[in-house]
Amino acid sequence: MKYIDEFNDPDLARRLLDEIHATATRPWALMEVCGGQTHSIIRHGIDQLLPEQVELIHGPGCPVCVTPLEVIDKALEIAARPGVIFCSFGDMLRVPGTDRDLFRVKGEGGDVRVVYSPLDALELARRNPDREVVFFAIGFETTAPANAMAVHQARRLGLTNFSLLVSHVRVPPAIEAIMTAPACRVQGFLAAGHVCSVMGTAEYPELAERFRVPLVVTGFEPLDILEGIRRAVRQLERGEHRVENAYPRAVREDGNPAAVRMIEEVFEVTDRNWRGIGPIPLSGWRLTEAFRAFDAEHRFDVTGIRTEEPAECRAGEVLQGLIKPTECAAFGTTCTPRTPLGATMVSSEGACAAYYLYRRMNAATPQAAREEMNPVA
């Protein structure tokens, strides 16, 4: 397939669905790892077209959603300081901290700017030598190479006014945490294609073997996802548990070696707390000692942060796949994109945002829901 329309071909989709229906003879629960896959599934109604034996569980694969509350509050503290230009991708500005968000800080006079690349923030640091420029470096393995490159370039250019507030997380330890949780029902995974395009698939066979679950690497278009489901169900029906690459146009077994080398030079593995889930050992990255001077947490000595999640927010259960967003009493009532209680309602990859946009009961119109999801700042 060469053109994007081919990945939305209804005839091909029907053939894949027919094969999934013919293959599934028992109940199976699959988890899609990535929030981008969740949005595609909900937008196109893929979960509603599957046989009743096949359930899709939404995983914690939204980096915005799992950025710890204490890190959000540290970002708010740094962004509010005089002399700081705080840079972030736009999807972080509405994520609620304990008592405000970055939009509120901007409205109160903080210099908060939306950028499209960490290199944009690097350029701001070069042009504003009298200001401290901080980039909010979040994400899974996908965004880590660009963030690593920004720090690498800052050191090469001798920029001492540039730093990263780092909250990177890693997918394989999250899969392990999911599979060892007492309430786990997951029997197979649709792995995130963009993560594997960077890191490759070398870390997954051990997980597939240890937990006896198929791991199928998929893309994000409807046919990508259906093909991933078809392969996972086929493995489950056959009693198999191995890694399959259903996204070969973007993913190689060794990933992107140059990107991996850059990550390994700049970052080191560390324990990381996930919002709504808790601590997961060895599930994150931090700057190595050689690049520690570019660590905003150390530079600004952000300590004494006290956090508190809203009691009525069940985003943590959504992120763990324990409930669907519509099972939360706050969904669509006290929790909306304009008044979010948790990050899953704000992020463009959050499960609650997907259900609000495409599945909300009594929504006025899809266009009205889209406008509420993307209000004018």
Protein backbone atom coordinates (compact mmCIF):
# COMPACT_ATOMS: atom_id res chain seq x y z
CA MET A 1 0.00 0.00 0.00
CA LYS A 2 1.51 3.31 -1.12
CA TYR A 3 -1.12 5.94 -0.47
CA ILE A 4 -2.85 7.00 2.72
CA ASP A 5 -6.36 6.34 1.32
CA GLU A 6 -5.49 2.68 1.02
CA PHE A 7 -5.23 2.42 4.79
CA ASN A 8 -8.88 3.45 5.05
CA ASP A 9 -10.20 1.18 2.27
CA PRO A 10 -13.62 -0.09 3.47
CA ASP A 11 -13.45 -3.26 1.35
CA LEU A 12 -10.11 -4.25 2.81
CA ALA A 13 -11.40 -3.37 6.28
CA ARG A 14 -14.42 -5.62 5.80
CA ARG A 15 -12.22 -8.50 4.69
CA LEU A 16 -10.04 -8.14 7.78
CA LEU A 17 -13.09 -7.91 10.02
CA ASP A 18 -14.59 -11.00 8.42
CA GLU A 19 -11.38 -12.90 9.11
CA ILE A 20 -11.30 -11.73 12.73
CA HIS A 21 -14.93 -12.83 13.17
CA ALA A 22 -14.17 -16.21 11.62
CA THR A 23 -11.04 -16.71 13.73
CA ALA A 24 -12.27 -15.70 17.20
CA THR A 25 -13.95 -18.60 18.96
CA ARG A 26 -13.27 -17.64 22.59
CA PRO A 27 -13.19 -14.40 24.62
CA TRP A 28 -9.93 -12.47 24.21
CA ALA A 29 -8.84 -9.17 25.75
CA LEU A 30 -6.26 -7.13 23.85
CA MET A 31 -4.64 -3.89 24.98
CA GLU A 32 -3.53 -1.21 22.54
CA VAL A 33 -0.50 0.44 24.09
CA CYS A 34 -0.65 3.80 22.34
CA GLY A 35 -3.15 6.60 22.88
CA GLY A 36 -2.96 7.45 19.19
CA GLN A 37 -4.22 3.96 18.46
CA THR A 38 -7.01 4.46 21.02
CA HIS A 39 -8.21 7.59 19.22
CA SER A 40 -8.18 5.80 15.87
CA ILE A 41 -10.11 2.87 17.35
CA ILE A 42 -12.78 5.07 18.90
CA ARG A 43 -13.00 7.50 15.99
CA HIS A 44 -13.56 4.74 13.45
CA GLY A 45 -15.67 2.56 15.74
CA ILE A 46 -13.31 -0.38 15.36
CA ASP A 47 -14.11 -1.75 18.81
CA GLN A 48 -17.81 -1.77 17.91
CA LEU A 49 -17.20 -3.73 14.71
CA LEU A 50 -15.26 -6.55 16.34
CA PRO A 51 -16.89 -9.83 17.38
CA GLU A 52 -18.20 -9.78 20.93
CA GLN A 53 -15.48 -12.24 21.92
CA VAL A 54 -12.75 -9.63 21.27
CA GLU A 55 -12.43 -6.79 23.76
CA LEU A 56 -10.04 -3.88 23.40
CA ILE A 57 -8.60 -2.48 26.63
CA HIS A 58 -7.13 1.00 26.46
CA GLY A 59 -3.61 1.15 27.84
CA PRO A 60 -1.56 3.93 29.45
CA GLY A 61 0.09 4.90 26.17
CA CYS A 62 -0.44 8.65 26.37
CA PRO A 63 2.74 10.38 27.59
CA VAL A 64 0.86 13.57 28.45
CA CYS A 65 -1.57 11.57 30.58
CA VAL A 66 1.06 9.69 32.56
CA THR A 67 3.35 12.66 33.25
CA PRO A 68 3.39 12.69 37.07
CA LEU A 69 1.43 15.37 38.86
CA GLU A 70 4.51 16.39 40.81
CA VAL A 71 6.35 17.04 37.52
CA ILE A 72 3.43 19.14 36.25
CA ASP A 73 3.56 21.16 39.47
CA LYS A 74 7.33 21.59 39.07
CA ALA A 75 6.71 22.86 35.53
CA LEU A 76 4.19 25.37 36.87
CA GLU A 77 6.63 26.53 39.54
CA ILE A 78 9.47 27.03 37.05
CA ALA A 79 7.26 28.67 34.41
CA ALA A 80 6.04 31.26 36.91
CA ARG A 81 9.54 32.44 37.81
CA PRO A 82 10.79 35.77 36.42
CA GLY A 83 13.42 35.56 33.73
CA VAL A 84 12.21 32.15 32.49
CA ILE A 85 10.88 31.31 29.03
CA PHE A 86 9.06 28.02 29.49
CA CYS A 87 8.56 26.07 26.25
CA SER A 88 6.23 23.15 25.68
CA PHE A 89 4.23 21.36 23.07
CA GLY A 90 0.67 22.67 23.03
CA ASP A 91 -0.95 19.56 24.47
CA MET A 92 0.68 20.16 27.87
CA LEU A 93 -0.76 23.63 28.45
CA ARG A 94 -4.20 22.45 29.58
CA VAL A 95 -3.00 19.52 31.70
CA PRO A 96 -4.13 20.26 35.25
CA GLY A 97 -1.65 20.46 38.08
CA THR A 98 -2.77 20.52 41.69
CA ASP A 99 -4.40 23.94 41.44
CA ARG A 100 -3.70 25.41 37.97
CA ASP A 101 -2.24 24.72 34.52
CA LEU A 102 0.29 26.34 32.20
CA PHE A 103 -2.42 28.43 30.55
CA ARG A 104 -3.19 29.93 33.95
CA VAL A 105 0.49 30.65 34.53
CA LYS A 106 0.66 32.32 31.12
CA GLY A 107 -2.43 34.39 31.94
CA GLU A 108 -0.81 35.48 35.20
CA GLY A 109 2.22 36.82 33.36
CA GLY A 110 4.49 33.81 32.95
CA ASP A 111 6.37 33.60 29.64
CA VAL A 112 4.96 30.27 28.44
CA ARG A 113 5.42 29.50 24.75
CA VAL A 114 4.21 26.72 22.48
CA VAL A 115 6.95 25.31 20.27
CA TYR A 116 6.94 22.57 17.65
CA SER A 117 10.37 21.13 18.38
CA PRO A 118 12.92 21.24 21.21
CA LEU A 119 15.23 22.84 18.65
CA ASP A 120 12.82 25.81 18.58
CA ALA A 121 13.45 26.21 22.31
CA LEU A 122 17.18 25.91 21.68
CA GLU A 123 16.95 28.77 19.19
CA LEU A 124 15.10 30.88 21.75
CA ALA A 125 17.94 30.27 24.18
CA ARG A 126 20.46 31.40 21.58
CA ARG A 127 18.49 34.59 20.87
CA ASN A 128 17.80 35.38 24.54
CA PRO A 129 21.10 34.92 26.39
CA ASP A 130 19.79 36.91 29.35
CA ARG A 131 16.82 34.53 29.89
CA GLU A 132 16.59 30.95 31.13
CA VAL A 133 14.87 28.80 28.50
CA VAL A 134 13.33 25.54 29.70
CA PHE A 135 11.82 22.89 27.44
CA PHE A 136 9.28 20.45 28.89
CA ALA A 137 10.70 17.14 27.64
CA ILE A 138 8.01 14.50 27.98
CA GLY A 139 7.11 11.46 25.94
CA PHE A 140 7.81 7.83 25.29
CA GLU A 141 10.81 6.63 23.33
CA THR A 142 9.45 8.39 20.25
CA THR A 143 10.33 11.94 21.32
CA ALA A 144 13.51 11.10 23.20
CA PRO A 145 15.94 11.37 20.24
CA ALA A 146 14.95 14.96 19.42
CA ASN A 147 15.17 15.98 23.07
CA ALA A 148 18.55 14.31 23.39
CA MET A 149 19.73 16.09 20.26
CA ALA A 150 18.66 19.46 21.68
CA VAL A 151 20.78 18.96 24.81
CA HIS A 152 23.66 17.66 22.73
CA GLN A 153 23.49 20.77 20.55
CA ALA A 154 23.20 23.09 23.56
CA ARG A 155 26.45 21.72 24.97
CA ARG A 156 28.17 21.96 21.58
CA LEU A 157 27.07 25.60 21.22
CA GLY A 158 28.05 26.44 24.78
CA LEU A 159 24.53 27.56 25.73
CA THR A 160 24.34 27.76 29.50
CA ASN A 161 20.80 29.19 29.63
CA PHE A 162 19.03 26.11 28.19
CA SER A 163 17.66 23.17 30.17
CA LEU A 164 15.13 20.34 30.02
CA LEU A 165 12.46 19.41 32.53
CA VAL A 166 12.57 15.68 31.79
CA SER A 167 9.71 13.24 32.22
CA HIS A 168 10.43 10.51 29.68
CA VAL A 169 8.86 7.07 30.11
CA ARG A 170 9.58 3.67 28.55
CA VAL A 171 7.04 1.19 27.21
CA PRO A 172 8.52 -2.28 28.04
CA PRO A 173 8.54 -1.74 31.84
CA ALA A 174 4.95 -0.49 31.60
CA ILE A 175 3.93 -3.72 29.86
CA GLU A 176 5.61 -5.68 32.64
CA ALA A 177 3.78 -3.62 35.28
CA ILE A 178 0.46 -4.22 33.54
CA MET A 179 1.00 -7.96 33.30
CA THR A 180 2.02 -8.31 36.96
CA ALA A 181 -0.90 -6.28 38.30
CA PRO A 182 -3.39 -8.40 40.32
CA ALA A 183 -6.39 -7.27 38.26
CA CYS A 184 -4.75 -7.78 34.87
CA ARG A 185 -7.03 -9.24 32.17
CA VAL A 186 -4.78 -8.51 29.18
CA GLN A 187 -4.03 -11.51 26.95
CA GLY A 188 -2.26 -9.75 24.09
CA PHE A 189 -0.86 -6.38 23.07
CA LEU A 190 -0.93 -4.10 20.08
CA ALA A 191 2.48 -2.46 20.43
CA ALA A 192 3.07 1.14 19.38
CA GLY A 193 4.60 1.42 15.93
CA HIS A 194 6.21 4.82 16.44
CA VAL A 195 8.02 3.67 19.60
CA CYS A 196 9.31 0.57 17.82
CA SER A 197 10.40 2.65 14.82
CA VAL A 198 12.92 4.24 17.19
CA MET A 199 13.82 1.40 19.56
CA GLY A 200 13.12 -1.64 17.42
CA THR A 201 11.55 -4.81 18.81
CA ALA A 202 14.48 -6.41 20.66
CA GLU A 203 13.00 -5.82 24.14
CA TYR A 204 9.66 -7.49 23.37
CA PRO A 205 10.36 -11.21 22.75
CA GLU A 206 11.36 -11.72 26.38
CA LEU A 207 8.10 -10.13 27.54
CA ALA A 208 6.03 -12.22 25.12
CA GLU A 209 7.70 -15.41 26.32
CA ARG A 210 7.63 -14.61 30.05
CA PHE A 211 3.96 -13.59 30.12
CA ARG A 212 2.87 -15.87 27.26
CA VAL A 213 1.15 -13.06 25.35
CA PRO A 214 1.34 -12.11 21.68
CA LEU A 215 2.85 -8.68 21.00
CA VAL A 216 1.94 -7.34 17.57
CA VAL A 217 3.54 -4.06 16.44
CA THR A 218 0.94 -1.96 14.61
CA GLY A 219 0.48 1.46 13.07
CA PHE A 220 -2.34 3.92 13.55
CA GLU A 221 -4.59 3.81 10.50
CA PRO A 222 -7.74 1.65 10.60
CA LEU A 223 -6.27 -1.13 8.47
CA ASP A 224 -3.06 -1.13 10.51
CA ILE A 225 -5.05 -1.69 13.69
CA LEU A 226 -7.34 -4.31 12.19
CA GLU A 227 -4.34 -6.23 10.86
CA GLY A 228 -2.75 -6.09 14.31
CA ILE A 229 -5.93 -7.42 15.91
CA ARG A 230 -6.21 -10.15 13.29
CA ARG A 231 -2.67 -11.35 13.98
CA ALA A 232 -3.06 -11.18 17.75
CA VAL A 233 -6.33 -13.14 17.72
CA ARG A 234 -4.83 -15.72 15.37
CA GLN A 235 -1.93 -16.25 17.78
CA LEU A 236 -4.23 -16.54 20.77
CA GLU A 237 -6.44 -19.09 19.03
CA ARG A 238 -3.35 -21.12 18.15
CA GLY A 239 -1.86 -20.90 21.63
CA GLU A 240 1.11 -18.86 20.38
CA HIS A 241 2.90 -15.97 22.08
CA ARG A 242 5.49 -14.16 20.02
CA VAL A 243 6.35 -10.77 18.56
CA GLU A 244 5.02 -9.95 15.10
CA ASN A 245 5.78 -6.83 13.12
CA ALA A 246 2.62 -5.74 11.32
CA TYR A 247 4.11 -2.31 10.60
CA PRO A 248 7.14 -3.16 8.44
CA ARG A 249 6.95 0.04 6.41
CA ALA A 250 8.16 1.95 9.51
CA VAL A 251 9.62 -0.59 11.95
CA ARG A 252 12.78 -2.66 11.72
CA GLU A 253 13.99 -5.12 14.32
CA ASP A 254 16.90 -2.85 15.25
CA GLY A 255 14.85 0.35 15.06
CA ASN A 256 16.84 3.48 14.35
CA PRO A 257 20.41 2.82 15.56
CA ALA A 258 21.51 6.46 15.25
CA ALA A 259 18.57 7.61 17.38
CA VAL A 260 19.24 4.91 19.98
CA ARG A 261 22.89 5.95 20.20
CA MET A 262 21.87 9.56 20.80
CA ILE A 263 19.44 8.53 23.55
CA GLU A 264 22.05 6.35 25.25
CA GLU A 265 24.62 9.15 25.19
CA VAL A 266 22.36 11.76 26.78
CA PHE A 267 19.92 9.76 28.96
CA GLU A 268 20.17 6.97 31.51
CA VAL A 269 17.44 4.64 32.74
CA THR A 270 15.78 5.52 36.03
CA ASP A 271 12.68 4.69 38.06
CA ARG A 272 9.70 6.82 37.14
CA ASN A 273 6.35 7.61 38.70
CA TRP A 274 3.38 7.42 36.30
CA ARG A 275 0.36 9.64 36.92
CA GLY A 276 -2.62 7.57 37.95
CA ILE A 277 -0.56 4.38 38.12
CA GLY A 278 2.33 4.93 40.52
CA PRO A 279 6.03 4.10 40.46
CA ILE A 280 7.33 1.65 37.85
CA PRO A 281 10.96 0.56 38.25
CA LEU A 282 13.35 1.43 35.42
CA SER A 283 10.50 2.92 33.39
CA GLY A 284 11.96 6.31 32.62
CA TRP A 285 14.98 8.28 31.53
CA ARG A 286 16.89 11.13 33.09
CA LEU A 287 19.90 13.10 31.91
CA THR A 288 23.25 11.42 32.50
CA GLU A 289 25.84 12.98 34.77
CA ALA A 290 27.64 14.39 31.72
CA PHE A 291 24.53 16.40 30.82
CA ARG A 292 23.22 17.04 34.34
CA ALA A 293 23.94 20.78 34.00
CA PHE A 294 21.02 20.91 31.56
CA ASP A 295 18.55 19.37 34.04
CA ALA A 296 15.94 22.00 34.99
CA GLU A 297 15.02 20.21 38.23
CA HIS A 298 18.60 20.57 39.45
CA ARG A 299 19.08 24.05 38.02
CA PHE A 300 15.96 25.49 39.66
CA ASP A 301 16.07 23.32 42.79
CA VAL A 302 12.33 22.64 42.65
CA THR A 303 11.57 20.96 45.96
CA GLY A 304 8.78 20.87 48.54
CA ILE A 305 6.09 20.22 45.93
CA ARG A 306 2.87 18.90 47.45
CA THR A 307 0.39 17.35 45.05
CA GLU A 308 -3.21 16.29 45.30
CA GLU A 309 -5.39 14.63 42.66
CA PRO A 310 -9.14 15.39 42.58
CA ALA A 311 -10.90 12.67 44.54
CA GLU A 312 -13.64 12.26 41.90
CA CYS A 313 -11.18 11.72 39.02
CA ARG A 314 -10.81 8.06 38.00
CA ALA A 315 -8.22 8.69 35.27
CA GLY A 316 -5.81 6.28 36.95
CA GLU A 317 -8.28 3.43 36.51
CA VAL A 318 -8.77 4.43 32.88
CA LEU A 319 -5.01 4.43 32.30
CA GLN A 320 -4.73 0.95 33.82
CA GLY A 321 -7.54 -0.36 31.62
CA LEU A 322 -9.74 -1.14 34.63
CA ILE A 323 -12.66 1.00 33.46
CA LYS A 324 -13.81 2.74 30.31
CA PRO A 325 -14.05 6.56 30.49
CA THR A 326 -17.85 6.51 30.45
CA GLU A 327 -17.84 4.49 33.69
CA CYS A 328 -16.52 7.54 35.57
CA ALA A 329 -19.33 9.61 37.08
CA ALA A 330 -17.44 12.84 36.34
CA PHE A 331 -17.11 12.09 32.63
CA GLY A 332 -18.82 14.75 30.53
CA THR A 333 -20.31 16.45 33.60
CA THR A 334 -17.81 17.95 36.03
CA CYS A 335 -14.96 16.74 33.81
CA THR A 336 -14.89 18.15 30.27
CA PRO A 337 -12.14 19.46 27.99
CA ARG A 338 -12.84 22.98 29.28
CA THR A 339 -12.89 21.88 32.93
CA PRO A 340 -10.68 18.77 33.03
CA LEU A 341 -10.07 16.89 36.24
CA GLY A 342 -7.36 14.70 34.75
CA ALA A 343 -4.91 14.67 31.87
CA THR A 344 -6.82 11.93 30.03
CA MET A 345 -9.54 14.49 29.21
CA VAL A 346 -7.06 17.06 27.89
CA SER A 347 -4.49 15.21 25.84
CA SER A 348 -5.04 14.63 22.14
CA GLU A 349 -4.19 10.99 22.87
CA GLY A 350 -6.15 10.60 26.11
CA ALA A 351 -8.84 7.93 26.25
CA CYS A 352 -11.33 10.24 27.99
CA ALA A 353 -10.81 12.87 25.29
CA ALA A 354 -11.44 10.23 22.60
CA TYR A 355 -14.70 9.11 24.20
CA TYR A 356 -15.78 12.72 24.75
CA LEU A 357 -15.15 13.62 21.13
CA TYR A 358 -16.58 10.51 19.48
CA ARG A 359 -18.78 8.70 22.01
CA ARG A 360 -20.21 11.31 24.35
CA MET A 361 -23.90 10.76 24.92
CA ASN A 362 -26.16 13.64 23.89
CA ALA A 363 -23.34 15.62 22.27
CA ALA A 364 -24.82 18.53 20.39
CA THR A 365 -22.84 17.90 17.19
CA PRO A 366 -19.44 16.42 16.40
CA GLN A 367 -18.29 19.90 15.37
CA ALA A 368 -19.37 21.35 18.72
CA ALA A 369 -17.42 18.65 20.52
CA ARG A 370 -14.35 19.36 18.40
CA GLU A 371 -14.58 23.07 19.19
CA GLU A 372 -14.75 22.28 22.89
CA MET A 373 -11.72 20.01 22.56
CA ASN A 374 -9.76 22.82 20.87
CA PRO A 375 -10.86 26.12 22.42
CA VAL A 376 -9.23 29.34 21.29
CA ALA A 377 -6.61 30.34 23.83
